[in-house]
Amino acid sequence: MIYLDNAATTFPKPQSVNDEVYKCMTTYAANPGRSGHTMAMEAARVIYETRESVAKLLNVEDPLNIIFTFNATDSLNLGIKGYLKSGDHVVTTGIEHNSVIRPIKELEHFGVENTVVSCNELGELNYDELEASIKDNTKLVVVTHASNIVGTLVDLEKVSKICQDKKVTFMVDASQTLGVYDIDVEALKIDMLAAPGHKCLYGPQGTGILYLREGINLKEMKQGGTGSKSEEIVQPDLSPDKYESGTHNTPGLAGLGKGVEFILETTTKKIREHEQELTQYFIDELQKIDGVTIYGPRDAKKRAAVVSINIDDMDSGEVTFLLNRDYKIATRSGIHCSPLGHTSIGTIKKGAVRFSIGYFNTKDDIDAALKAVRELASKQA
């Protein structure tokens, strides 16, 4: 199988990730922070080291400001719902994933207003409109760093400046970028950042992170055992325990730690340059194929390694089916859990076929995908 669905879940993982998950499951998969025996202490140590590695990647001074969740959706729900209250106003964009827009829409039932800022057909954000959308009761601006449909990058520095000037809390959905792009939360003045472990961080599924700037206090989404202040019957008010009730996904977080170590050793620069090179080659060659429509910017430096297309009037689901059946190529079709994004680029009725490139893809993979697209397009001519 040629795997070009990395925007959904990265595959394969570095071998060190697989090895650590297995090691955890066979040698120290006890409850971290719950017992004083050797296995439990080893589990707690590994989880803390993973917290330290994520903090280093984001340039976070205190690892305890890294909250572990089960995916980016979990992180976004905690950040958005835990921060906003009745009477507040939140601003987001027209290229967001449903993991952002659905929690925001849910809060309408609890008296929280929202504004969705428009994006053009390339998925590019209107920054002037974003600034003009901020009102006296605006408490939060939430933006994705890169569209999960067309990869279009949002200028985080520009959005951060607007938020600082307006004294509004700034939250980033880095699901498609953390681990590939340098995100310094201190330099960018990011207040909250959500990301999954299983995409660009090379961790297992069932892992996610939420960074909280010092002083950001959220209403937790659940209460329960934390391994701390167990003598009390109310939730402890300390981070990260307040937000991490229940047993951790220790094997997943152990693997995530190795995934982040892989990024720190390989460097985001090397990972990004490889993905950009393949993405630019793919776009350049796709433009030569009659009947193929490419969505998003043509410059790979303006987008993450996500390329969505359509072939003439073919159903996007049929294209993905044929790519899998006849060419053993994994892609994703449809609306990609982003109706706002597809509305922005004009594909809400037909969807699109998404090719998402990862660090372990090769030029041969891209050539095979191009060959398949050429053949499918030629049959429509």
Protein backbone atom coordinates (compact mmCIF):
# COMPACT_ATOMS: atom_id res chain seq x y z
CA MET A 1 0.00 0.00 0.00
CA ILE A 2 1.23 3.49 -0.88
CA TYR A 3 0.01 5.52 2.06
CA LEU A 4 -1.01 9.11 1.25
CA ASP A 5 -3.48 9.71 4.07
CA ASN A 6 -1.10 11.21 6.61
CA ALA A 7 -3.42 14.15 7.34
CA ALA A 8 -5.76 11.63 8.98
CA THR A 9 -3.12 9.53 10.76
CA THR A 10 0.60 9.33 10.05
CA PHE A 11 1.82 5.95 8.85
CA PRO A 12 4.27 4.37 9.29
CA LYS A 13 5.60 5.46 12.66
CA PRO A 14 9.31 5.57 13.48
CA GLN A 15 10.40 2.15 14.69
CA SER A 16 11.37 3.66 18.05
CA VAL A 17 7.69 4.49 18.61
CA ASN A 18 6.57 0.93 17.94
CA ASP A 19 9.35 -0.47 20.12
CA GLU A 20 8.50 1.76 23.08
CA VAL A 21 4.79 0.92 22.95
CA TYR A 22 5.67 -2.78 23.01
CA LYS A 23 8.23 -2.25 25.79
CA CYS A 24 5.65 -0.40 27.86
CA MET A 25 3.01 -3.07 27.37
CA THR A 26 5.40 -5.85 28.36
CA THR A 27 7.46 -4.27 31.15
CA TYR A 28 5.91 -1.21 32.86
CA ALA A 29 2.25 -0.71 31.84
CA ALA A 30 1.06 -0.02 35.37
CA ASN A 31 -0.93 2.98 36.64
CA PRO A 32 1.33 6.04 36.70
CA GLY A 33 1.18 8.13 39.86
CA ARG A 34 -1.12 5.68 41.62
CA SER A 35 1.34 3.35 43.34
CA GLY A 36 4.83 3.31 44.78
CA HIS A 37 6.08 0.16 43.08
CA THR A 38 8.74 0.07 40.39
CA MET A 39 6.45 -0.36 37.39
CA ALA A 40 4.15 2.49 38.39
CA MET A 41 7.10 4.79 39.00
CA GLU A 42 8.59 3.89 35.61
CA ALA A 43 5.27 4.66 33.93
CA ALA A 44 5.10 8.04 35.69
CA ARG A 45 8.70 8.81 34.70
CA VAL A 46 8.10 8.05 31.03
CA ILE A 47 4.94 10.18 30.95
CA TYR A 48 6.77 13.11 32.53
CA GLU A 49 9.64 12.77 30.05
CA THR A 50 7.09 12.87 27.22
CA ARG A 51 5.67 16.05 28.76
CA GLU A 52 9.19 17.50 28.82
CA SER A 53 9.80 16.61 25.16
CA VAL A 54 6.56 18.24 24.01
CA ALA A 55 7.41 21.32 26.08
CA LYS A 56 10.82 21.50 24.41
CA LEU A 57 9.25 21.24 20.95
CA LEU A 58 6.94 24.17 21.73
CA ASN A 59 9.48 26.20 23.75
CA VAL A 60 7.41 25.89 26.91
CA GLU A 61 9.36 26.51 30.12
CA ASP A 62 7.16 24.50 32.49
CA PRO A 63 6.24 20.98 31.27
CA LEU A 64 3.26 21.00 33.65
CA ASN A 65 1.58 23.43 31.25
CA ILE A 66 1.31 20.54 28.78
CA ILE A 67 -1.99 18.71 29.27
CA PHE A 68 -2.39 15.20 27.88
CA THR A 69 -5.69 14.35 26.19
CA PHE A 70 -6.89 11.59 23.88
CA ASN A 71 -6.79 13.53 20.58
CA ALA A 72 -6.98 17.06 19.19
CA THR A 73 -10.78 17.00 19.38
CA ASP A 74 -10.52 16.33 23.10
CA SER A 75 -8.01 19.19 23.47
CA LEU A 76 -10.11 21.65 21.47
CA ASN A 77 -13.27 20.83 23.42
CA LEU A 78 -11.45 21.34 26.70
CA GLY A 79 -9.88 24.62 25.60
CA ILE A 80 -12.97 26.13 23.98
CA LYS A 81 -15.69 24.93 26.36
CA GLY A 82 -13.49 25.23 29.42
CA TYR A 83 -12.65 28.87 28.69
CA LEU A 84 -15.82 30.47 27.33
CA LYS A 85 -18.85 31.49 29.43
CA SER A 86 -22.31 32.87 28.77
CA GLY A 87 -22.10 36.37 27.32
CA ASP A 88 -18.70 35.76 25.71
CA HIS A 89 -17.95 36.03 21.99
CA VAL A 90 -15.52 33.80 20.04
CA VAL A 91 -14.05 34.36 16.58
CA THR A 92 -12.98 31.54 14.27
CA THR A 93 -12.40 31.03 10.53
CA GLY A 94 -14.02 29.59 7.43
CA ILE A 95 -11.50 26.77 7.04
CA GLU A 96 -11.87 25.14 10.43
CA HIS A 97 -12.32 21.45 11.12
CA ASN A 98 -15.53 20.37 12.85
CA SER A 99 -13.46 19.80 15.98
CA VAL A 100 -13.38 23.58 16.29
CA ILE A 101 -16.70 24.68 14.86
CA ARG A 102 -18.93 22.06 16.52
CA PRO A 103 -17.88 22.90 20.10
CA ILE A 104 -18.34 26.58 19.24
CA LYS A 105 -21.80 25.98 17.77
CA GLU A 106 -22.73 23.89 20.82
CA LEU A 107 -21.91 26.86 23.04
CA GLU A 108 -24.59 28.91 21.29
CA HIS A 109 -27.04 26.98 23.49
CA PHE A 110 -25.26 28.40 26.54
CA GLY A 111 -25.21 32.05 25.49
CA VAL A 112 -21.83 32.22 23.73
CA GLU A 113 -21.80 34.21 20.48
CA ASN A 114 -19.54 33.42 17.52
CA THR A 115 -18.30 34.96 14.30
CA VAL A 116 -16.87 32.90 11.43
CA VAL A 117 -14.39 34.94 9.38
CA SER A 118 -14.42 34.29 5.65
CA CYS A 119 -11.66 32.63 3.65
CA ASN A 120 -11.25 32.79 -0.13
CA GLU A 121 -11.30 29.96 -2.66
CA LEU A 122 -7.65 29.18 -1.87
CA GLY A 123 -8.44 28.82 1.81
CA GLU A 124 -6.67 32.08 2.67
CA LEU A 125 -7.89 33.97 5.72
CA ASN A 126 -9.16 37.56 5.56
CA TYR A 127 -7.11 39.14 8.37
CA ASP A 128 -8.80 42.53 8.14
CA GLU A 129 -12.18 40.88 8.62
CA LEU A 130 -10.84 38.91 11.55
CA GLU A 131 -9.65 42.08 13.27
CA ALA A 132 -12.95 43.85 12.54
CA SER A 133 -14.88 40.90 14.02
CA ILE A 134 -13.44 41.39 17.50
CA LYS A 135 -15.92 43.06 19.85
CA ASP A 136 -15.90 44.25 23.44
CA ASN A 137 -17.06 40.84 24.66
CA THR A 138 -14.70 38.80 22.44
CA LYS A 139 -12.76 36.49 24.73
CA LEU A 140 -11.18 34.03 22.30
CA VAL A 141 -9.88 33.72 18.74
CA VAL A 142 -9.43 30.14 17.47
CA VAL A 143 -7.62 29.46 14.19
CA THR A 144 -6.26 26.38 12.50
CA HIS A 145 -2.61 26.69 11.51
CA ALA A 146 -3.21 24.78 8.28
CA SER A 147 -6.36 23.63 6.52
CA ASN A 148 -6.84 19.88 6.63
CA ILE A 149 -8.31 20.05 3.10
CA VAL A 150 -5.91 22.22 1.11
CA GLY A 151 -3.12 22.79 3.63
CA THR A 152 -3.30 26.59 3.37
CA LEU A 153 -1.23 28.11 6.17
CA VAL A 154 -2.53 30.83 8.46
CA ASP A 155 -0.04 33.54 9.45
CA LEU A 156 0.07 32.92 13.20
CA GLU A 157 2.27 35.94 13.81
CA LYS A 158 -0.28 38.22 12.16
CA VAL A 159 -3.21 36.73 14.10
CA SER A 160 -1.21 36.90 17.33
CA LYS A 161 -0.52 40.60 16.81
CA ILE A 162 -4.24 41.25 16.34
CA CYS A 163 -5.06 39.30 19.51
CA GLN A 164 -2.40 41.11 21.51
CA ASP A 165 -3.59 44.53 20.33
CA LYS A 166 -7.19 43.64 21.18
CA LYS A 167 -6.26 41.83 24.41
CA VAL A 168 -8.00 38.62 23.32
CA THR A 169 -6.92 35.06 24.14
CA PHE A 170 -5.36 33.26 21.17
CA MET A 171 -5.86 29.52 20.52
CA VAL A 172 -4.28 27.48 17.70
CA ASP A 173 -5.35 24.17 16.22
CA ALA A 174 -1.98 22.75 15.12
CA SER A 175 -3.31 19.35 14.04
CA GLN A 176 -1.65 19.46 10.62
CA THR A 177 1.54 21.30 11.55
CA LEU A 178 3.03 20.64 14.99
CA GLY A 179 6.11 18.52 14.35
CA VAL A 180 6.62 19.85 10.82
CA TYR A 181 6.59 23.61 11.35
CA ASP A 182 8.40 25.49 14.11
CA ILE A 183 5.81 26.75 16.59
CA ASP A 184 7.36 28.76 19.41
CA VAL A 185 4.44 29.53 21.71
CA GLU A 186 6.47 32.12 23.62
CA ALA A 187 7.57 34.07 20.54
CA LEU A 188 4.10 33.84 18.99
CA LYS A 189 2.29 34.65 22.25
CA ILE A 190 -0.02 31.68 21.83
CA ASP A 191 -2.25 31.15 24.86
CA MET A 192 -3.61 27.70 24.01
CA LEU A 193 -2.53 25.15 21.41
CA ALA A 194 -4.15 21.82 20.56
CA ALA A 195 -2.65 18.95 18.58
CA PRO A 196 -3.12 15.20 18.16
CA GLY A 197 -0.35 12.79 18.93
CA HIS A 198 -1.10 10.49 16.00
CA LYS A 199 -0.43 12.87 13.10
CA CYS A 200 2.72 15.01 12.73
CA LEU A 201 4.02 13.96 16.16
CA TYR A 202 4.24 10.28 15.08
CA GLY A 203 2.57 8.98 18.22
CA PRO A 204 -0.13 6.31 18.53
CA GLN A 205 -3.83 7.08 18.19
CA GLY A 206 -5.54 7.95 21.44
CA THR A 207 -3.01 10.65 22.34
CA GLY A 208 -3.28 14.43 22.19
CA ILE A 209 -1.90 17.57 23.79
CA LEU A 210 -3.21 20.91 24.97
CA TYR A 211 -0.76 23.65 25.85
CA LEU A 212 -2.00 26.26 28.33
CA ARG A 213 -0.12 29.49 28.93
CA GLU A 214 0.62 30.16 32.61
CA GLY A 215 -2.44 31.80 34.15
CA ILE A 216 -5.01 30.27 31.77
CA ASN A 217 -7.54 28.50 33.96
CA LEU A 218 -10.16 26.25 32.36
CA LYS A 219 -13.24 24.56 33.71
CA GLU A 220 -12.36 20.87 33.53
CA MET A 221 -14.60 18.61 31.43
CA LYS A 222 -14.52 15.68 33.85
CA GLN A 223 -13.73 14.88 37.45
CA GLY A 224 -12.27 11.80 39.03
CA GLY A 225 -9.12 10.09 40.21
CA THR A 226 -5.89 11.98 39.57
CA GLY A 227 -3.46 10.27 41.93
CA SER A 228 -3.07 13.60 43.73
CA LYS A 229 -4.94 14.98 46.77
CA SER A 230 -6.83 11.72 46.98
CA GLU A 231 -8.01 12.60 50.48
CA GLU A 232 -10.25 15.32 48.99
CA ILE A 233 -13.65 14.71 47.39
CA VAL A 234 -13.39 17.70 45.04
CA GLN A 235 -11.24 18.00 41.93
CA PRO A 236 -7.71 19.27 42.67
CA ASP A 237 -7.05 22.73 41.27
CA LEU A 238 -3.55 22.14 39.97
CA SER A 239 -2.21 21.58 36.47
CA PRO A 240 -2.06 19.13 34.79
CA ASP A 241 -3.92 16.93 37.31
CA LYS A 242 -7.09 19.05 37.14
CA TYR A 243 -7.55 18.12 33.48
CA GLU A 244 -6.26 14.54 33.43
CA SER A 245 -8.71 12.50 35.49
CA GLY A 246 -8.51 8.75 35.10
CA THR A 247 -5.74 6.40 34.07
CA HIS A 248 -3.43 7.78 31.41
CA ASN A 249 -2.92 6.07 28.05
CA THR A 250 0.56 5.08 29.20
CA PRO A 251 1.54 2.98 26.15
CA GLY A 252 0.30 5.73 23.83
CA LEU A 253 2.14 8.49 25.69
CA ALA A 254 5.29 6.36 25.82
CA GLY A 255 5.12 6.05 22.04
CA LEU A 256 4.33 9.74 21.67
CA GLY A 257 7.46 10.58 23.62
CA LYS A 258 9.57 8.63 21.15
CA GLY A 259 7.76 10.31 18.26
CA VAL A 260 8.62 13.76 19.59
CA GLU A 261 12.20 12.64 20.24
CA PHE A 262 12.39 11.56 16.59
CA ILE A 263 11.29 15.06 15.52
CA LEU A 264 13.78 16.80 17.81
CA GLU A 265 16.61 14.61 16.51
CA THR A 266 15.61 14.79 12.83
CA THR A 267 14.61 18.50 13.08
CA THR A 268 11.42 20.10 11.84
CA LYS A 269 13.49 21.82 9.12
CA LYS A 270 14.49 18.53 7.54
CA ILE A 271 10.98 17.08 7.83
CA ARG A 272 9.38 20.23 6.40
CA GLU A 273 11.81 20.52 3.48
CA HIS A 274 11.23 16.89 2.48
CA GLU A 275 7.45 17.24 2.58
CA GLN A 276 7.55 20.57 0.73
CA GLU A 277 9.73 19.14 -2.02
CA LEU A 278 7.37 16.23 -2.65
CA THR A 279 4.30 18.48 -2.41
CA GLN A 280 5.66 20.98 -4.92
CA TYR A 281 6.60 18.18 -7.33
CA PHE A 282 3.13 16.65 -6.98
CA ILE A 283 1.37 19.98 -7.64
CA ASP A 284 3.60 20.84 -10.60
CA GLU A 285 2.94 17.50 -12.28
CA LEU A 286 -0.79 17.51 -11.49
CA GLN A 287 -1.12 20.82 -13.31
CA LYS A 288 -0.03 19.07 -16.50
CA ILE A 289 -2.92 16.58 -16.40
CA ASP A 290 -6.06 17.56 -18.33
CA GLY A 291 -9.28 17.32 -16.35
CA VAL A 292 -7.68 17.68 -12.91
CA THR A 293 -8.71 20.54 -10.64
CA ILE A 294 -6.28 21.39 -7.82
CA TYR A 295 -7.46 23.32 -4.78
CA GLY A 296 -5.40 25.69 -2.65
CA PRO A 297 -2.16 27.60 -3.28
CA ARG A 298 0.23 26.32 -5.94
CA ASP A 299 3.27 27.21 -3.82
CA ALA A 300 4.14 24.40 -1.40
CA LYS A 301 5.68 26.92 1.01
CA LYS A 302 2.23 28.43 1.52
CA ARG A 303 0.59 25.15 2.44
CA ALA A 304 1.12 22.04 4.49
CA ALA A 305 1.68 18.76 2.62
CA VAL A 306 -2.02 18.32 1.85
CA VAL A 307 -3.27 18.38 -1.76
CA SER A 308 -6.94 17.98 -2.69
CA ILE A 309 -8.15 17.48 -6.24
CA ASN A 310 -11.08 16.44 -8.38
CA ILE A 311 -10.98 14.64 -11.73
CA ASP A 312 -13.55 16.03 -14.17
CA ASP A 313 -17.03 15.03 -12.98
CA MET A 314 -15.95 11.85 -11.20
CA ASP A 315 -17.36 11.31 -7.74
CA SER A 316 -14.58 11.89 -5.21
CA GLY A 317 -15.53 8.72 -3.35
CA GLU A 318 -15.26 6.71 -6.55
CA VAL A 319 -11.77 8.10 -7.19
CA THR A 320 -10.59 7.10 -3.72
CA PHE A 321 -12.17 3.66 -4.18
CA LEU A 322 -10.40 3.12 -7.51
CA LEU A 323 -7.08 4.41 -6.18
CA ASN A 324 -7.30 1.86 -3.39
CA ARG A 325 -8.62 -1.09 -5.43
CA ASP A 326 -6.63 -0.72 -8.63
CA TYR A 327 -3.48 1.09 -7.53
CA LYS A 328 -3.15 0.26 -3.81
CA ILE A 329 -2.97 3.97 -2.95
CA ALA A 330 -4.58 5.22 0.28
CA THR A 331 -6.27 8.65 0.11
CA ARG A 332 -9.35 10.24 1.65
CA SER A 333 -12.37 11.67 -0.16
CA GLY A 334 -15.50 13.57 0.78
CA ILE A 335 -15.90 16.57 3.08
CA HIS A 336 -13.03 15.72 5.48
CA CYS A 337 -15.02 16.81 8.56
CA SER A 338 -14.71 20.41 7.35
CA PRO A 339 -17.89 21.74 5.74
CA LEU A 340 -16.67 25.30 6.34
CA GLY A 341 -13.48 24.60 4.42
CA HIS A 342 -15.26 22.96 1.52
CA THR A 343 -17.74 25.83 1.39
CA SER A 344 -14.82 28.26 1.20
CA ILE A 345 -13.14 26.48 -1.71
CA GLY A 346 -16.42 25.72 -3.52
CA THR A 347 -16.55 21.94 -3.14
CA ILE A 348 -19.24 21.48 -0.50
CA LYS A 349 -21.49 19.57 -2.93
CA LYS A 350 -18.92 17.20 -4.43
CA GLY A 351 -16.10 17.06 -1.88
CA ALA A 352 -12.58 16.29 -3.05
CA VAL A 353 -9.88 13.63 -3.09
CA ARG A 354 -7.16 14.41 -0.57
CA PHE A 355 -3.56 13.26 -0.91
CA SER A 356 -1.55 13.98 2.25
CA ILE A 357 2.20 13.47 2.19
CA GLY A 358 4.40 12.49 5.13
CA TYR A 359 8.08 12.33 5.94
CA PHE A 360 8.30 8.64 5.06
CA ASN A 361 6.84 9.07 1.58
CA THR A 362 9.19 9.01 -1.40
CA LYS A 363 9.27 10.42 -4.91
CA ASP A 364 8.37 6.94 -6.14
CA ASP A 365 5.15 7.15 -4.11
CA ILE A 366 4.29 10.47 -5.74
CA ASP A 367 5.12 9.15 -9.21
CA ALA A 368 2.79 6.20 -8.62
CA ALA A 369 0.01 8.55 -7.53
CA LEU A 370 0.56 10.75 -10.60
CA LYS A 371 0.43 7.74 -12.88
CA ALA A 372 -2.85 6.65 -11.32
CA VAL A 373 -4.40 10.11 -11.65
CA ARG A 374 -3.30 10.35 -15.30
CA GLU A 375 -4.91 7.03 -16.10
CA LEU A 376 -8.15 7.87 -14.30
CA ALA A 377 -8.29 11.26 -16.01
CA SER A 378 -7.60 9.80 -19.44
CA LYS A 379 -10.61 7.51 -19.09
CA GLN A 380 -12.81 10.56 -18.63
CA ALA A 381 -11.55 12.37 -21.72
